[in-house]
């Protein structure tokens, strides 16, 4: 890969980041911040042999990561945002 191709790829990525809406950026940031916030608890519970809680935490991290990947790749935040709202809703 030569230098001009690399510059074109970087420029293309920068323009794709600038085309994202505010709502999409907020959802991506929330997902990106929640993964490193929950993952240490999952690992800690795994070392404590608390299998049920560790499994639940790992499933939450996997779900958040799948929402992050879906929104990043497709740009459809309106489909993914109700999933995040339902998870955060407390009755």
Protein backbone atom coordinates (compact mmCIF):
# COMPACT_ATOMS: atom_id res chain seq x y z
CA UNK A 1 0.00 0.00 0.00
CA UNK A 2 1.48 3.31 -0.97
CA UNK A 3 1.21 6.64 0.78
CA UNK A 4 -1.48 8.12 -1.48
CA UNK A 5 -3.82 5.18 -0.89
CA UNK A 6 -3.31 5.51 2.83
CA UNK A 7 -4.08 9.24 2.72
CA UNK A 8 -7.25 8.56 0.71
CA UNK A 9 -8.44 5.98 3.24
CA UNK A 10 -7.82 8.34 6.15
CA UNK A 11 -9.64 11.15 4.35
CA UNK A 12 -12.56 8.84 3.61
CA UNK A 13 -12.79 7.79 7.28
CA UNK A 14 -12.70 11.42 8.41
CA UNK A 15 -15.56 12.37 6.10
CA UNK A 16 -17.60 9.38 7.29
CA UNK A 17 -17.13 10.51 10.89
CA UNK A 18 -18.24 14.03 10.03
CA UNK A 19 -21.43 12.78 8.37
CA UNK A 20 -22.73 11.16 11.56
CA UNK A 21 -25.67 12.80 13.30
CA UNK A 22 -25.60 14.01 16.90
CA UNK A 23 -27.89 11.23 18.03
CA UNK A 24 -25.68 8.61 16.41
CA UNK A 25 -22.55 10.04 18.01
CA UNK A 26 -24.22 10.12 21.43
CA UNK A 27 -25.32 6.49 21.12
CA UNK A 28 -21.86 5.42 19.96
CA UNK A 29 -20.21 7.27 22.84
CA UNK A 30 -22.60 5.80 25.40
CA UNK A 31 -21.91 2.29 24.12
CA UNK A 32 -18.17 2.89 23.91
CA UNK A 33 -18.07 4.18 27.49
CA UNK A 34 -20.31 1.50 28.97
CA UNK A 35 -18.19 -1.42 27.73
CA UNK A 36 -15.06 -0.55 29.76
CA UNK A 37 -17.31 0.38 32.68
CA UNK A 38 -19.02 -3.02 32.90
CA UNK A 39 -16.21 -5.33 31.76
CA UNK A 40 -14.06 -5.01 34.93
CA UNK A 41 -17.02 -6.07 37.05
CA UNK A 42 -17.52 -9.13 34.85
CA UNK A 43 -13.87 -10.10 35.21
CA UNK A 44 -13.93 -9.45 38.97
CA UNK A 45 -17.02 -11.62 39.39
CA UNK A 46 -15.42 -14.32 37.28
CA UNK A 47 -12.42 -14.43 39.64
CA UNK A 48 -14.80 -14.62 42.61
CA UNK A 49 -16.48 -17.67 41.01
CA UNK A 50 -19.78 -15.80 40.85
CA UNK A 51 -20.69 -17.46 37.56
CA UNK A 52 -24.24 -16.17 37.16
CA UNK A 53 -23.38 -12.51 37.65
CA UNK A 54 -20.25 -12.78 35.50
CA UNK A 55 -22.23 -14.42 32.70
CA UNK A 56 -24.89 -11.72 32.91
CA UNK A 57 -22.25 -8.98 32.79
CA UNK A 58 -20.56 -10.60 29.79
CA UNK A 59 -23.91 -10.83 28.00
CA UNK A 60 -24.54 -7.14 28.69
CA UNK A 61 -21.10 -6.24 27.34
CA UNK A 62 -21.73 -8.40 24.26
CA UNK A 63 -25.10 -6.79 23.68
CA UNK A 64 -23.72 -3.28 24.02
CA UNK A 65 -20.85 -4.17 21.69
CA UNK A 66 -23.29 -5.56 19.11
CA UNK A 67 -25.32 -2.33 19.25
CA UNK A 68 -22.10 -0.34 18.87
CA UNK A 69 -20.99 -2.40 15.87
CA UNK A 70 -24.45 -2.25 14.26
CA UNK A 71 -24.70 1.53 14.56
CA UNK A 72 -21.09 2.06 13.47
CA UNK A 73 -21.45 -0.12 10.37
CA UNK A 74 -24.99 0.72 9.26
CA UNK A 75 -25.61 4.17 10.72
CA UNK A 76 -29.14 3.19 11.74
CA UNK A 77 -29.28 4.53 15.27
CA UNK A 78 -33.08 4.72 15.34
CA UNK A 79 -33.30 0.93 15.21
CA UNK A 80 -30.73 0.44 17.98
CA UNK A 81 -31.69 3.23 20.38
CA UNK A 82 -34.90 1.53 21.67
CA UNK A 83 -32.77 -1.48 22.61
CA UNK A 84 -30.62 0.73 24.82
CA UNK A 85 -33.62 2.52 26.29
CA UNK A 86 -35.34 -0.72 27.27
CA UNK A 87 -32.22 -1.94 29.01
CA UNK A 88 -31.93 1.24 31.06
CA UNK A 89 -35.61 1.50 31.98
CA UNK A 90 -36.48 0.64 35.57
CA UNK A 91 -40.08 0.00 36.61
